[in-house]
Amino acid sequence: MSSRKKIRASFFIVTILVFFGLTTTGFSQEKYPVRPIQAICQWRAGSNVDLALRMLAEPIKQHLGQPFVVVVKPGGQGVVGQSAMAKAKPDGYTIGLAALGPMVTVHLFEPKPPYKMTDFEPICGFYENPGGVGVRRDAPWETLDDFIADAKKNPMKYKIGLHVARGPVGMAIKKFILSSGIKVTVVPFAGGSKSRNAVLSGDVDACAMHIGFVLRDPDRLKLLELFEKKRSPRLPDLPTAREKGRDLIMGARTGFVAPKGTPIVRIRILEGALKKAITDPGFGKGLFGKLGMVPAFSSREDIWEDWQDTYSRFSKIVVELRKAEKEFKELERKK
């Protein structure tokens, strides 16, 4: 049996056991929910993730019958908030987002991260936030190939900003630099907004940029290429790295998780309510239109498989990057 089939089978068996009353927690006998649900956000107040959660608060309240309260716990590139989720009481009243960095790739870099992936119960997928290499609208390059050709002719002339160096964004940009053979100065930033601002001010020539920044500011910003498998419906003329023969993916599905041990009955109630809220056309239009995020509901089984596959894919990338670590140290400089 394949690993994916085993994952699905295990989830199915647990669910069946619960619904036939073979658990001993007693939670399944209680009405749920009877008080507000806390949703932990690992990123700062006002960030796209925080705004997305607050946009979801009203539709999810309609389906759960209880307020959906966003609790901001930033720090450590998402690890502080993720750790708080792992330590929360597993009663279904504290859940949170699981972004790829703090959920998956942290385990590829930290020798002893404060939690394991298995410390969480997946609930469902929430959104996708694709991206690629972004530049100013008036930049001389129309495609990523244009930028690569120019950078090869002018070694160390250009600067590329990146954020979350140990997350999917940073690793994708580093792999791009490594695989394209260009010589540039790599400038680290604390967040995507700061690297975007550096592009606008001219402090860097390009940066890792999510599609939302371009959609909100199309007169000043553009993407040269989307680091994804398929094109975005909002930028249908923008080619993908896959089309160009580049094995580069920067975006990833973000989902909801609960602490390990949360009763499966409550997980399924949350999953069902979140599905109705996330797939609501009005919510989806607002999320995409205001933040550039693509609503992407998926079952708890599917989002878990996606994270497992992502871990495997980035494990290979980390091996490549470690071989080139000396080269990147020479390219990077502290801001």
C-alpha atoms as a PDB file:
ATOM      1  CA  MET A   1       0.000   0.000   0.000  1.00  0.00           C
ATOM      2  CA  SER A   2       1.352   3.445  -0.938  1.00  0.00           C
ATOM      3  CA  SER A   3       2.118   6.050   1.757  1.00  0.00           C
ATOM      4  CA  ARG A   4      -0.780   8.214   0.574  1.00  0.00           C
ATOM      5  CA  LYS A   5      -3.223   5.323   0.801  1.00  0.00           C
ATOM      6  CA  LYS A   6      -1.933   4.470   4.280  1.00  0.00           C
ATOM      7  CA  ILE A   7      -2.485   8.078   5.420  1.00  0.00           C
ATOM      8  CA  ARG A   8      -6.026   8.104   4.061  1.00  0.00           C
ATOM      9  CA  ALA A   9      -6.768   4.711   5.605  1.00  0.00           C
ATOM     10  CA  SER A  10      -5.524   5.761   9.039  1.00  0.00           C
ATOM     11  CA  PHE A  11      -7.631   8.935   9.007  1.00  0.00           C
ATOM     12  CA  PHE A  12     -10.674   6.940   7.890  1.00  0.00           C
ATOM     13  CA  ILE A  13     -10.265   4.289  10.589  1.00  0.00           C
ATOM     14  CA  VAL A  14      -9.912   6.867  13.366  1.00  0.00           C
ATOM     15  CA  THR A  15     -13.008   8.668  12.157  1.00  0.00           C
ATOM     16  CA  ILE A  16     -15.057   5.457  12.065  1.00  0.00           C
ATOM     17  CA  LEU A  17     -13.963   4.494  15.581  1.00  0.00           C
ATOM     18  CA  VAL A  18     -15.034   7.854  16.948  1.00  0.00           C
ATOM     19  CA  PHE A  19     -18.416   7.850  15.311  1.00  0.00           C
ATOM     20  CA  PHE A  20     -19.129   4.371  16.640  1.00  0.00           C
ATOM     21  CA  GLY A  21     -18.426   5.564  20.160  1.00  0.00           C
ATOM     22  CA  LEU A  22     -15.167   3.691  20.689  1.00  0.00           C
ATOM     23  CA  THR A  23     -13.347   6.681  22.178  1.00  0.00           C
ATOM     24  CA  THR A  24     -13.123   7.366  25.890  1.00  0.00           C
ATOM     25  CA  THR A  25     -12.722  11.123  25.974  1.00  0.00           C
ATOM     26  CA  GLY A  26     -16.331  12.042  26.566  1.00  0.00           C
ATOM     27  CA  PHE A  27     -15.912  15.063  24.299  1.00  0.00           C
ATOM     28  CA  SER A  28     -18.120  13.481  21.663  1.00  0.00           C
ATOM     29  CA  GLN A  29     -21.067  13.595  24.092  1.00  0.00           C
ATOM     30  CA  GLU A  30     -20.812  17.366  24.619  1.00  0.00           C
ATOM     31  CA  LYS A  31     -22.323  20.095  22.485  1.00  0.00           C
ATOM     32  CA  TYR A  32     -19.674  21.875  20.454  1.00  0.00           C
ATOM     33  CA  PRO A  33     -18.828  24.682  20.162  1.00  0.00           C
ATOM     34  CA  VAL A  34     -20.317  26.529  23.120  1.00  0.00           C
ATOM     35  CA  ARG A  35     -17.773  29.379  23.329  1.00  0.00           C
ATOM     36  CA  PRO A  36     -15.510  31.356  20.960  1.00  0.00           C
ATOM     37  CA  ILE A  37     -12.848  29.602  18.888  1.00  0.00           C
ATOM     38  CA  GLN A  38      -9.353  31.094  19.127  1.00  0.00           C
ATOM     39  CA  ALA A  39      -7.316  31.097  15.913  1.00  0.00           C
ATOM     40  CA  ILE A  40      -3.589  31.692  16.392  1.00  0.00           C
ATOM     41  CA  CYS A  41      -1.813  33.766  13.745  1.00  0.00           C
ATOM     42  CA  GLN A  42       1.979  33.365  13.711  1.00  0.00           C
ATOM     43  CA  TRP A  43       2.572  36.594  11.801  1.00  0.00           C
ATOM     44  CA  ARG A  44       2.333  40.233  12.866  1.00  0.00           C
ATOM     45  CA  ALA A  45      -0.934  42.157  13.094  1.00  0.00           C
ATOM     46  CA  GLY A  46      -1.765  43.685   9.724  1.00  0.00           C
ATOM     47  CA  SER A  47       0.101  41.019   7.745  1.00  0.00           C
ATOM     48  CA  ASN A  48      -1.679  39.299   4.862  1.00  0.00           C
ATOM     49  CA  VAL A  49      -2.138  36.187   6.983  1.00  0.00           C
ATOM     50  CA  ASP A  50      -3.677  38.182   9.818  1.00  0.00           C
ATOM     51  CA  LEU A  51      -5.993  39.998   7.401  1.00  0.00           C
ATOM     52  CA  ALA A  52      -7.042  36.728   5.774  1.00  0.00           C
ATOM     53  CA  LEU A  53      -8.001  35.263   9.149  1.00  0.00           C
ATOM     54  CA  ARG A  54      -9.986  38.341  10.092  1.00  0.00           C
ATOM     55  CA  MET A  55     -11.808  38.211   6.759  1.00  0.00           C
ATOM     56  CA  LEU A  56     -12.752  34.617   7.545  1.00  0.00           C
ATOM     57  CA  ALA A  57     -14.063  35.488  11.016  1.00  0.00           C
ATOM     58  CA  GLU A  58     -17.554  36.562   9.943  1.00  0.00           C
ATOM     59  CA  PRO A  59     -18.439  33.693   7.570  1.00  0.00           C
ATOM     60  CA  ILE A  60     -17.059  31.064   9.942  1.00  0.00           C
ATOM     61  CA  LYS A  61     -19.122  32.527  12.800  1.00  0.00           C
ATOM     62  CA  GLN A  62     -22.239  32.008  10.707  1.00  0.00           C
ATOM     63  CA  HIS A  63     -21.452  28.319  10.293  1.00  0.00           C
ATOM     64  CA  LEU A  64     -20.114  27.574  13.789  1.00  0.00           C
ATOM     65  CA  GLY A  65     -22.466  29.800  15.746  1.00  0.00           C
ATOM     66  CA  GLN A  66     -19.573  31.149  17.815  1.00  0.00           C
ATOM     67  CA  PRO A  67     -17.102  34.022  17.370  1.00  0.00           C
ATOM     68  CA  PHE A  68     -13.810  33.306  15.604  1.00  0.00           C
ATOM     69  CA  VAL A  69     -11.165  35.265  17.541  1.00  0.00           C
ATOM     70  CA  VAL A  70      -7.778  35.923  15.949  1.00  0.00           C
ATOM     71  CA  VAL A  71      -4.874  35.818  18.431  1.00  0.00           C
ATOM     72  CA  VAL A  72      -1.586  37.207  17.082  1.00  0.00           C
ATOM     73  CA  LYS A  73       1.590  35.472  18.292  1.00  0.00           C
ATOM     74  CA  PRO A  74       4.423  36.525  15.948  1.00  0.00           C
ATOM     75  CA  GLY A  75       8.119  35.769  16.212  1.00  0.00           C
ATOM     76  CA  GLY A  76      10.758  33.301  15.126  1.00  0.00           C
ATOM     77  CA  GLN A  77       9.505  33.254  11.510  1.00  0.00           C
ATOM     78  CA  GLY A  78       6.254  31.715  12.703  1.00  0.00           C
ATOM     79  CA  VAL A  79       7.733  29.262  15.197  1.00  0.00           C
ATOM     80  CA  VAL A  80       6.454  31.150  18.285  1.00  0.00           C
ATOM     81  CA  GLY A  81       2.836  30.910  17.206  1.00  0.00           C
ATOM     82  CA  GLN A  82       3.183  27.348  15.953  1.00  0.00           C
ATOM     83  CA  SER A  83       4.705  26.321  19.286  1.00  0.00           C
ATOM     84  CA  ALA A  84       1.806  27.961  21.146  1.00  0.00           C
ATOM     85  CA  MET A  85      -0.618  25.869  19.083  1.00  0.00           C
ATOM     86  CA  ALA A  86       1.226  22.671  19.933  1.00  0.00           C
ATOM     87  CA  LYS A  87       1.001  23.456  23.654  1.00  0.00           C
ATOM     88  CA  ALA A  88      -2.664  24.531  23.650  1.00  0.00           C
ATOM     89  CA  LYS A  89      -5.365  22.435  25.290  1.00  0.00           C
ATOM     90  CA  PRO A  90      -6.643  19.901  22.736  1.00  0.00           C
ATOM     91  CA  ASP A  91     -10.323  20.676  23.176  1.00  0.00           C
ATOM     92  CA  GLY A  92     -11.171  22.223  19.815  1.00  0.00           C
ATOM     93  CA  TYR A  93     -11.243  25.794  21.099  1.00  0.00           C
ATOM     94  CA  THR A  94      -7.709  26.701  19.981  1.00  0.00           C
ATOM     95  CA  ILE A  95      -6.679  26.179  16.385  1.00  0.00           C
ATOM     96  CA  GLY A  96      -4.341  28.030  14.082  1.00  0.00           C
ATOM     97  CA  LEU A  97      -2.836  28.382  10.665  1.00  0.00           C
ATOM     98  CA  ALA A  98      -0.012  26.150   9.552  1.00  0.00           C
ATOM     99  CA  ALA A  99       2.162  27.874   6.976  1.00  0.00           C
ATOM    100  CA  LEU A 100       4.807  25.835   5.223  1.00  0.00           C
ATOM    101  CA  GLY A 101       7.786  27.471   6.946  1.00  0.00           C
ATOM    102  CA  PRO A 102       6.933  26.918  10.625  1.00  0.00           C
ATOM    103  CA  MET A 103       4.959  23.742   9.935  1.00  0.00           C
ATOM    104  CA  VAL A 104       7.317  21.888   7.611  1.00  0.00           C
ATOM    105  CA  THR A 105      10.640  23.418   6.617  1.00  0.00           C
ATOM    106  CA  VAL A 106      11.679  24.387  10.154  1.00  0.00           C
ATOM    107  CA  HIS A 107      12.372  20.697  10.704  1.00  0.00           C
ATOM    108  CA  LEU A 108      14.959  20.756   7.925  1.00  0.00           C
ATOM    109  CA  PHE A 109      17.083  23.404   9.619  1.00  0.00           C
ATOM    110  CA  GLU A 110      16.563  23.352  13.371  1.00  0.00           C
ATOM    111  CA  PRO A 111      18.323  20.481  15.195  1.00  0.00           C
ATOM    112  CA  LYS A 112      15.721  20.493  17.962  1.00  0.00           C
ATOM    113  CA  PRO A 113      12.586  22.419  16.952  1.00  0.00           C
ATOM    114  CA  PRO A 114      10.105  22.966  19.824  1.00  0.00           C
ATOM    115  CA  TYR A 115       7.494  20.714  18.195  1.00  0.00           C
ATOM    116  CA  LYS A 116       7.049  17.968  15.615  1.00  0.00           C
ATOM    117  CA  MET A 117       4.682  17.851  12.667  1.00  0.00           C
ATOM    118  CA  THR A 118       2.907  15.024  14.447  1.00  0.00           C
ATOM    119  CA  ASP A 119       2.101  17.340  17.372  1.00  0.00           C
ATOM    120  CA  PHE A 120      -0.798  18.652  15.293  1.00  0.00           C
ATOM    121  CA  GLU A 121      -4.081  17.403  13.908  1.00  0.00           C
ATOM    122  CA  PRO A 122      -4.705  18.697  10.381  1.00  0.00           C
ATOM    123  CA  ILE A 123      -8.123  20.284   9.879  1.00  0.00           C
ATOM    124  CA  CYS A 124      -8.176  21.483   6.269  1.00  0.00           C
ATOM    125  CA  GLY A 125      -6.456  23.553   3.608  1.00  0.00           C
ATOM    126  CA  PHE A 126      -7.156  27.298   3.487  1.00  0.00           C
ATOM    127  CA  TYR A 127      -5.349  29.212   0.719  1.00  0.00           C
ATOM    128  CA  GLU A 128      -2.476  29.312  -1.742  1.00  0.00           C
ATOM    129  CA  ASN A 129      -0.172  32.305  -2.124  1.00  0.00           C
ATOM    130  CA  PRO A 130       1.961  31.804  -5.238  1.00  0.00           C
ATOM    131  CA  GLY A 131       4.844  34.034  -6.168  1.00  0.00           C
ATOM    132  CA  GLY A 132       8.110  34.397  -8.031  1.00  0.00           C
ATOM    133  CA  VAL A 133      10.706  37.033  -8.879  1.00  0.00           C
ATOM    134  CA  GLY A 134       9.223  40.529  -8.702  1.00  0.00           C
ATOM    135  CA  VAL A 135      10.617  43.841  -9.950  1.00  0.00           C
ATOM    136  CA  ARG A 136       9.482  47.421 -10.481  1.00  0.00           C
ATOM    137  CA  ARG A 137       7.073  47.963 -13.346  1.00  0.00           C
ATOM    138  CA  ASP A 138       9.615  50.211 -15.093  1.00  0.00           C
ATOM    139  CA  ALA A 139      12.450  47.663 -14.808  1.00  0.00           C
ATOM    140  CA  PRO A 140      14.127  46.823 -18.150  1.00  0.00           C
ATOM    141  CA  TRP A 141      13.295  43.098 -17.979  1.00  0.00           C
ATOM    142  CA  GLU A 142      10.053  41.605 -19.267  1.00  0.00           C
ATOM    143  CA  THR A 143      10.871  37.973 -18.480  1.00  0.00           C
ATOM    144  CA  LEU A 144      13.034  36.081 -16.038  1.00  0.00           C
ATOM    145  CA  ASP A 145      15.219  34.972 -18.944  1.00  0.00           C
ATOM    146  CA  ASP A 146      15.868  38.671 -19.671  1.00  0.00           C
ATOM    147  CA  PHE A 147      17.018  39.187 -16.086  1.00  0.00           C
ATOM    148  CA  ILE A 148      19.214  36.073 -16.142  1.00  0.00           C
ATOM    149  CA  ALA A 149      20.914  37.129 -19.370  1.00  0.00           C
ATOM    150  CA  ASP A 150      21.576  40.632 -18.032  1.00  0.00           C
ATOM    151  CA  ALA A 151      22.884  39.327 -14.695  1.00  0.00           C
ATOM    152  CA  LYS A 152      25.278  36.949 -16.454  1.00  0.00           C
ATOM    153  CA  LYS A 153      26.675  39.818 -18.504  1.00  0.00           C
ATOM    154  CA  ASN A 154      27.049  41.934 -15.368  1.00  0.00           C
ATOM    155  CA  PRO A 155      28.218  39.757 -12.429  1.00  0.00           C
ATOM    156  CA  MET A 156      27.459  41.210  -8.982  1.00  0.00           C
ATOM    157  CA  LYS A 157      25.746  44.268 -10.460  1.00  0.00           C
ATOM    158  CA  TYR A 158      22.266  43.393  -9.198  1.00  0.00           C
ATOM    159  CA  LYS A 159      20.755  42.789  -5.772  1.00  0.00           C
ATOM    160  CA  ILE A 160      17.975  40.316  -4.970  1.00  0.00           C
ATOM    161  CA  GLY A 161      16.009  40.559  -1.732  1.00  0.00           C
ATOM    162  CA  LEU A 162      14.529  37.566   0.015  1.00  0.00           C
ATOM    163  CA  HIS A 163      12.628  36.926   3.236  1.00  0.00           C
ATOM    164  CA  VAL A 164      12.203  33.827   5.398  1.00  0.00           C
ATOM    165  CA  ALA A 165      15.538  32.449   4.215  1.00  0.00           C
ATOM    166  CA  ARG A 166      14.795  29.042   5.721  1.00  0.00           C
ATOM    167  CA  GLY A 167      11.299  28.847   4.341  1.00  0.00           C
ATOM    168  CA  PRO A 168       9.927  28.033   0.892  1.00  0.00           C
ATOM    169  CA  VAL A 169      10.446  31.602  -0.330  1.00  0.00           C
ATOM    170  CA  GLY A 170      14.113  31.817   0.569  1.00  0.00           C
ATOM    171  CA  MET A 171      14.898  28.307  -0.613  1.00  0.00           C
ATOM    172  CA  ALA A 172      13.181  28.857  -3.968  1.00  0.00           C
ATOM    173  CA  ILE A 173      15.129  32.070  -4.616  1.00  0.00           C
ATOM    174  CA  LYS A 174      18.413  30.487  -3.555  1.00  0.00           C
ATOM    175  CA  LYS A 175      17.794  27.503  -5.805  1.00  0.00           C
ATOM    176  CA  PHE A 176      16.977  29.878  -8.668  1.00  0.00           C
ATOM    177  CA  ILE A 177      20.275  31.735  -8.195  1.00  0.00           C
ATOM    178  CA  LEU A 178      22.197  28.480  -7.923  1.00  0.00           C
ATOM    179  CA  SER A 179      20.587  26.765 -10.924  1.00  0.00           C
ATOM    180  CA  SER A 180      20.719  29.821 -13.228  1.00  0.00           C
ATOM    181  CA  GLY A 181      24.406  30.436 -12.590  1.00  0.00           C
ATOM    182  CA  ILE A 182      24.055  34.178 -11.973  1.00  0.00           C
ATOM    183  CA  LYS A 183      26.193  36.204  -9.572  1.00  0.00           C
ATOM    184  CA  VAL A 184      24.145  38.669  -7.515  1.00  0.00           C
ATOM    185  CA  THR A 185      24.121  40.182  -4.048  1.00  0.00           C
ATOM    186  CA  VAL A 186      21.533  38.497  -1.826  1.00  0.00           C
ATOM    187  CA  VAL A 187      19.917  40.852   0.679  1.00  0.00           C
ATOM    188  CA  PRO A 188      17.863  39.290   3.517  1.00  0.00           C
ATOM    189  CA  PHE A 189      14.760  41.036   4.887  1.00  0.00           C
ATOM    190  CA  ALA A 190      12.518  40.399   7.885  1.00  0.00           C
ATOM    191  CA  GLY A 191       9.364  40.130   5.779  1.00  0.00           C
ATOM    192  CA  GLY A 192       7.841  40.245   2.323  1.00  0.00           C
ATOM    193  CA  SER A 193       6.568  43.801   2.731  1.00  0.00           C
ATOM    194  CA  LYS A 194      10.047  45.064   3.534  1.00  0.00           C
ATOM    195  CA  SER A 195      11.642  43.379   0.548  1.00  0.00           C
ATOM    196  CA  ARG A 196       8.827  44.718  -1.668  1.00  0.00           C
ATOM    197  CA  ASN A 197       9.463  48.239  -0.350  1.00  0.00           C
ATOM    198  CA  ALA A 198      13.171  47.833  -1.074  1.00  0.00           C
ATOM    199  CA  VAL A 199      12.337  47.052  -4.699  1.00  0.00           C
ATOM    200  CA  LEU A 200      10.137  50.135  -4.946  1.00  0.00           C
ATOM    201  CA  SER A 201      12.797  52.360  -3.405  1.00  0.00           C
ATOM    202  CA  GLY A 202      15.538  50.957  -5.608  1.00  0.00           C
ATOM    203  CA  ASP A 203      17.559  49.496  -2.737  1.00  0.00           C
ATOM    204  CA  VAL A 204      17.348  46.094  -4.466  1.00  0.00           C
ATOM    205  CA  ASP A 205      16.637  45.291  -8.096  1.00  0.00           C
ATOM    206  CA  ALA A 206      14.386  42.280  -7.573  1.00  0.00           C
ATOM    207  CA  CYS A 207      12.982  40.174  -4.773  1.00  0.00           C
ATOM    208  CA  ALA A 208      10.923  37.129  -3.898  1.00  0.00           C
ATOM    209  CA  MET A 209       7.396  38.473  -4.311  1.00  0.00           C
ATOM    210  CA  HIS A 210       3.964  36.977  -3.713  1.00  0.00           C
ATOM    211  CA  ILE A 211       1.314  37.593  -6.319  1.00  0.00           C
ATOM    212  CA  GLY A 212      -0.790  39.647  -3.897  1.00  0.00           C
ATOM    213  CA  PHE A 213       1.713  42.516  -3.887  1.00  0.00           C
ATOM    214  CA  VAL A 214       1.493  42.794  -7.675  1.00  0.00           C
ATOM    215  CA  LEU A 215      -2.290  42.553  -7.787  1.00  0.00           C
ATOM    216  CA  ARG A 216      -2.609  45.401  -5.290  1.00  0.00           C
ATOM    217  CA  ASP A 217       0.001  47.609  -6.952  1.00  0.00           C
ATOM    218  CA  PRO A 218       0.099  46.707 -10.677  1.00  0.00           C
ATOM    219  CA  ASP A 219       1.195  50.184 -11.767  1.00  0.00           C
ATOM    220  CA  ARG A 220       4.463  49.918  -9.842  1.00  0.00           C
ATOM    221  CA  LEU A 221       5.229  46.186  -9.642  1.00  0.00           C
ATOM    222  CA  LYS A 222       5.369  43.147 -11.904  1.00  0.00           C
ATOM    223  CA  LEU A 223       6.367  39.495 -11.720  1.00  0.00           C
ATOM    224  CA  LEU A 224       8.848  38.146 -14.252  1.00  0.00           C
ATOM    225  CA  GLU A 225       7.846  34.532 -13.738  1.00  0.00           C
ATOM    226  CA  LEU A 226       5.618  32.524 -11.423  1.00  0.00           C
ATOM    227  CA  PHE A 227       7.375  29.807  -9.433  1.00  0.00           C
ATOM    228  CA  GLU A 228       4.485  27.364  -9.708  1.00  0.00           C
ATOM    229  CA  LYS A 229       3.273  24.350 -11.646  1.00  0.00           C
ATOM    230  CA  LYS A 230       0.372  26.140 -13.304  1.00  0.00           C
ATOM    231  CA  ARG A 231      -0.566  29.683 -14.230  1.00  0.00           C
ATOM    232  CA  SER A 232      -2.605  31.958 -11.999  1.00  0.00           C
ATOM    233  CA  PRO A 233      -6.094  32.844 -13.239  1.00  0.00           C
ATOM    234  CA  ARG A 234      -5.450  36.445 -12.144  1.00  0.00           C
ATOM    235  CA  LEU A 235      -2.247  36.717 -14.218  1.00  0.00           C
ATOM    236  CA  PRO A 236      -2.989  34.268 -17.029  1.00  0.00           C
ATOM    237  CA  ASP A 237      -0.285  35.643 -19.345  1.00  0.00           C
ATOM    238  CA  LEU A 238       2.499  35.178 -16.787  1.00  0.00           C
ATOM    239  CA  PRO A 239       4.524  32.030 -17.570  1.00  0.00           C
ATOM    240  CA  THR A 240       5.461  29.547 -14.888  1.00  0.00           C
ATOM    241  CA  ALA A 241       8.852  28.154 -14.002  1.00  0.00           C
ATOM    242  CA  ARG A 242       7.588  24.705 -14.989  1.00  0.00           C
ATOM    243  CA  GLU A 243       6.866  25.941 -18.529  1.00  0.00           C
ATOM    244  CA  LYS A 244      10.414  27.242 -18.758  1.00  0.00           C
ATOM    245  CA  GLY A 245      11.912  23.970 -17.590  1.00  0.00           C
ATOM    246  CA  ARG A 246      12.781  25.254 -14.133  1.00  0.00           C
ATOM    247  CA  ASP A 247      11.977  23.079 -11.125  1.00  0.00           C
ATOM    248  CA  LEU A 248      11.056  25.985  -8.855  1.00  0.00           C
ATOM    249  CA  ILE A 249       8.047  26.295  -6.539  1.00  0.00           C
ATOM    250  CA  MET A 250       7.730  29.139  -4.068  1.00  0.00           C
ATOM    251  CA  GLY A 251       4.108  29.047  -2.963  1.00  0.00           C
ATOM    252  CA  ALA A 252       2.511  26.388  -0.838  1.00  0.00           C
ATOM    253  CA  ARG A 253      -0.858  25.569   0.627  1.00  0.00           C
ATOM    254  CA  THR A 254      -1.542  26.982   4.047  1.00  0.00           C
ATOM    255  CA  GLY A 255      -4.030  25.158   6.234  1.00  0.00           C
ATOM    256  CA  PHE A 256      -5.558  24.929   9.679  1.00  0.00           C
ATOM    257  CA  VAL A 257      -4.370  22.632  12.446  1.00  0.00           C
ATOM    258  CA  ALA A 258      -5.341  21.835  16.022  1.00  0.00           C
ATOM    259  CA  PRO A 259      -3.226  20.444  18.877  1.00  0.00           C
ATOM    260  CA  LYS A 260      -2.656  16.698  18.820  1.00  0.00           C
ATOM    261  CA  GLY A 261      -5.363  14.899  20.752  1.00  0.00           C
ATOM    262  CA  THR A 262      -8.198  17.204  19.731  1.00  0.00           C
ATOM    263  CA  PRO A 263     -11.277  14.933  19.389  1.00  0.00           C
ATOM    264  CA  ILE A 264     -11.859  13.884  15.806  1.00  0.00           C
ATOM    265  CA  VAL A 265     -15.562  14.721  16.116  1.00  0.00           C
ATOM    266  CA  ARG A 266     -14.633  18.345  16.763  1.00  0.00           C
ATOM    267  CA  ILE A 267     -12.012  18.303  14.014  1.00  0.00           C
ATOM    268  CA  ARG A 268     -14.688  17.201  11.551  1.00  0.00           C
ATOM    269  CA  ILE A 269     -17.106  19.892  12.749  1.00  0.00           C
ATOM    270  CA  LEU A 270     -14.394  22.521  12.224  1.00  0.00           C
ATOM    271  CA  GLU A 271     -13.497  21.063   8.846  1.00  0.00           C
ATOM    272  CA  GLY A 272     -17.111  21.186   7.691  1.00  0.00           C
ATOM    273  CA  ALA A 273     -17.660  24.766   8.862  1.00  0.00           C
ATOM    274  CA  LEU A 274     -14.385  25.960   7.371  1.00  0.00           C
ATOM    275  CA  LYS A 275     -15.240  24.307   4.062  1.00  0.00           C
ATOM    276  CA  LYS A 276     -18.500  26.256   3.846  1.00  0.00           C
ATOM    277  CA  ALA A 277     -16.776  29.528   4.737  1.00  0.00           C
ATOM    278  CA  ILE A 278     -13.707  29.119   2.493  1.00  0.00           C
ATOM    279  CA  THR A 279     -15.678  27.978  -0.557  1.00  0.00           C
ATOM    280  CA  ASP A 280     -18.247  30.778  -0.214  1.00  0.00           C
ATOM    281  CA  PRO A 281     -17.987  32.807  -3.462  1.00  0.00           C
ATOM    282  CA  GLY A 282     -18.197  36.122  -1.622  1.00  0.00           C
ATOM    283  CA  PHE A 283     -15.363  35.267   0.732  1.00  0.00           C
ATOM    284  CA  GLY A 284     -13.223  33.897  -2.075  1.00  0.00           C
ATOM    285  CA  LYS A 285     -13.691  37.014  -4.182  1.00  0.00           C
ATOM    286  CA  GLY A 286     -12.674  39.247  -1.284  1.00  0.00           C
ATOM    287  CA  LEU A 287      -9.659  37.166  -0.310  1.00  0.00           C
ATOM    288  CA  PHE A 288      -8.325  37.062  -3.846  1.00  0.00           C
ATOM    289  CA  GLY A 289      -9.244  40.613  -4.762  1.00  0.00           C
ATOM    290  CA  LYS A 290      -7.846  42.276  -1.636  1.00  0.00           C
ATOM    291  CA  LEU A 291      -4.903  40.044  -0.753  1.00  0.00           C
ATOM    292  CA  GLY A 292      -4.143  38.067  -3.912  1.00  0.00           C
ATOM    293  CA  MET A 293      -4.503  34.792  -2.023  1.00  0.00           C
ATOM    294  CA  VAL A 294      -6.206  31.901  -3.791  1.00  0.00           C
ATOM    295  CA  PRO A 295      -8.842  30.166  -1.625  1.00  0.00           C
ATOM    296  CA  ALA A 296      -7.883  26.503  -1.684  1.00  0.00           C
ATOM    297  CA  PHE A 297     -10.003  24.360   0.601  1.00  0.00           C
ATOM    298  CA  SER A 298      -8.844  20.769   0.846  1.00  0.00           C
ATOM    299  CA  SER A 299      -9.692  17.962   3.222  1.00  0.00           C
ATOM    300  CA  ARG A 300      -7.536  17.248   6.232  1.00  0.00           C
ATOM    301  CA  GLU A 301      -6.241  14.117   4.490  1.00  0.00           C
ATOM    302  CA  ASP A 302      -5.232  16.050   1.375  1.00  0.00           C
ATOM    303  CA  ILE A 303      -3.511  18.919   3.167  1.00  0.00           C
ATOM    304  CA  TRP A 304      -1.530  16.451   5.278  1.00  0.00           C
ATOM    305  CA  GLU A 305      -0.408  14.613   2.135  1.00  0.00           C
ATOM    306  CA  ASP A 306       0.590  17.929   0.595  1.00  0.00           C
ATOM    307  CA  TRP A 307       2.738  18.844   3.600  1.00  0.00           C
ATOM    308  CA  GLN A 308       4.383  15.429   3.566  1.00  0.00           C
ATOM    309  CA  ASP A 309       5.168  15.735  -0.137  1.00  0.00           C
ATOM    310  CA  THR A 310       6.470  19.263   0.393  1.00  0.00           C
ATOM    311  CA  TYR A 311       8.771  18.080   3.170  1.00  0.00           C
ATOM    312  CA  SER A 312      10.202  15.444   0.842  1.00  0.00           C
ATOM    313  CA  ARG A 313      10.685  17.936  -2.003  1.00  0.00           C
ATOM    314  CA  PHE A 314      12.383  20.573   0.131  1.00  0.00           C
ATOM    315  CA  SER A 315      14.581  17.981   1.832  1.00  0.00           C
ATOM    316  CA  LYS A 316      16.266  17.486  -1.530  1.00  0.00           C
ATOM    317  CA  ILE A 317      16.582  21.225  -2.090  1.00  0.00           C
ATOM    318  CA  VAL A 318      18.230  21.669   1.310  1.00  0.00           C
ATOM    319  CA  VAL A 319      20.889  19.121   0.361  1.00  0.00           C
ATOM    320  CA  GLU A 320      21.627  21.126  -2.798  1.00  0.00           C
ATOM    321  CA  LEU A 321      21.771  24.407  -0.900  1.00  0.00           C
ATOM    322  CA  ARG A 322      24.068  23.079   1.793  1.00  0.00           C
ATOM    323  CA  LYS A 323      26.553  22.086  -0.881  1.00  0.00           C
ATOM    324  CA  ALA A 324      26.494  25.675  -2.086  1.00  0.00           C
ATOM    325  CA  GLU A 325      26.481  27.225   1.403  1.00  0.00           C
ATOM    326  CA  LYS A 326      29.934  28.723   1.066  1.00  0.00           C
ATOM    327  CA  GLU A 327      28.968  30.407  -2.200  1.00  0.00           C
ATOM    328  CA  PHE A 328      25.825  31.933  -0.679  1.00  0.00           C
ATOM    329  CA  LYS A 329      27.703  33.254   2.330  1.00  0.00           C
ATOM    330  CA  GLU A 330      29.845  35.227  -0.051  1.00  0.00           C
ATOM    331  CA  LEU A 331      26.754  36.613  -1.790  1.00  0.00           C
ATOM    332  CA  GLU A 332      24.754  37.481   1.295  1.00  0.00           C
ATOM    333  CA  ARG A 333      25.242  40.588   3.352  1.00  0.00           C
ATOM    334  CA  LYS A 334      23.487  41.787   6.467  1.00  0.00           C
ATOM    335  CA  LYS A 335      20.986  44.545   5.958  1.00  0.00           C
END
